[in-house]
Protein backbone atom coordinates (compact mmCIF):
# COMPACT_ATOMS: atom_id res chain seq x y z
CA MET A 1 119.22 33.25 22.82
CA ILE A 2 116.53 35.95 22.84
CA ASP A 3 116.29 37.87 19.61
CA ALA A 4 114.97 41.43 19.13
CA VAL A 5 111.41 40.38 18.31
CA GLN A 6 111.01 38.53 21.60
CA ILE A 7 112.41 41.48 23.57
CA LEU A 8 110.07 43.86 21.76
CA LEU A 9 107.14 41.53 22.41
CA ILE A 10 107.93 41.39 26.14
CA ILE A 11 108.19 45.20 26.31
CA VAL A 12 104.88 45.66 24.45
CA ILE A 13 103.09 43.11 26.66
CA THR A 14 104.45 44.80 29.80
CA ILE A 15 103.36 48.25 28.63
CA LEU A 16 99.90 47.01 27.61
CA THR A 17 99.44 45.23 30.94
CA THR A 18 100.40 48.40 32.81
CA VAL A 19 98.07 50.57 30.72
CA MET A 20 95.16 48.15 31.09
CA THR A 21 95.71 48.02 34.87
CA ILE A 22 95.67 51.83 35.09
CA ILE A 23 92.54 51.99 32.94
CA GLY A 24 90.84 49.39 35.15
CA ILE A 25 91.68 51.37 38.29
CA GLU A 26 90.31 54.56 36.72
CA VAL A 27 87.10 52.79 35.69
CA PHE A 28 86.57 51.67 39.29
CA LYS A 29 87.16 55.24 40.49
CA VAL A 30 84.62 56.59 38.02
CA LEU A 31 82.05 53.96 39.02
CA LYS A 32 82.61 54.76 42.70
CA GLU A 33 82.10 58.47 42.02
CA LEU A 34 78.98 57.71 39.98
CA ARG A 35 77.60 55.66 42.88
CA GLN A 36 78.23 58.54 45.29
CA SER A 37 76.56 61.00 42.92
CA LEU A 38 73.51 58.78 42.54
CA THR A 39 73.28 58.43 46.32
CA LYS A 40 73.34 62.23 46.69
CA ILE A 41 70.69 62.64 43.99
CA ASN A 42 68.53 60.03 45.71
CA ASN A 43 68.83 61.90 49.02
CA MET A 44 67.89 65.17 47.31
CA LEU A 45 64.83 63.55 45.75
CA GLU A 46 63.76 62.17 49.11
CA ASP A 47 64.10 65.65 50.63
CA LEU A 48 62.05 67.10 47.77
CA LYS A 49 59.39 64.49 48.43
CA LYS A 50 59.27 65.50 52.09
CA VAL A 51 59.02 69.20 51.18
CA GLY A 52 56.27 68.47 48.68
CA HIS A 53 54.35 66.55 51.31
CA MET A 54 54.85 69.37 53.82
CA ILE A 55 53.43 71.84 51.30
CA SER A 56 50.57 69.71 50.00
CA GLU A 57 49.26 68.72 53.43
CA PRO A 58 48.37 72.29 54.60
CA VAL A 59 46.90 73.12 51.18
CA GLU A 60 44.73 70.02 51.37
CA GLU A 61 43.63 70.93 54.89
CA ALA A 62 42.80 74.49 53.79
CA SER A 63 40.77 73.11 50.90
CA THR A 64 38.86 70.85 53.28
CA PHE A 65 38.30 73.77 55.65
CA LEU A 66 36.95 75.97 52.85
CA ALA A 67 34.65 73.20 51.64
CA GLY A 68 33.31 72.80 55.18
CA LEU A 69 32.89 76.56 55.51
CA LYS A 70 30.95 76.63 52.25
CA ARG A 71 28.64 73.86 53.48
CA GLY A 72 28.18 75.70 56.77
CA ILE A 73 27.20 78.93 55.00
CA LYS A 74 24.81 76.99 52.78
CA ALA A 75 23.23 75.35 55.86
CA PHE A 76 22.99 78.73 57.61
CA LYS A 77 21.24 80.24 54.57
CA SER A 78 18.81 77.31 54.47
CA ILE A 79 18.02 77.69 58.16
CA SER A 80 17.61 81.46 57.92
CA GLU A 81 15.25 81.02 54.92
CA LEU A 82 13.25 78.51 56.98
CA PHE A 83 12.86 81.07 59.77
CA LYS A 84 11.89 83.80 57.29
CA ASN A 85 9.26 81.57 55.73
CA GLY A 86 7.99 80.60 59.20
CA ALA A 87 7.75 84.25 60.31
CA GLU A 88 5.58 85.19 57.35
């Protein structure tokens, strides 16, 4: 009926099928974990972007303020020189 080679072949095919199924399940688990990790990294990068914007905005405003202050001082000096020249 069934000789030893056929029995051995059935056993090997069964074992290989089981191993390949387990490997497939583990690959899906790893891919799922990788997806979760990438989602967390993406969220962290978005938070970093928000923090960077929160830091850069006040610095930019301070720079604009200082530039305006510099122009104001320059205008004040020009006006005061005008009055000095007019007084002489």
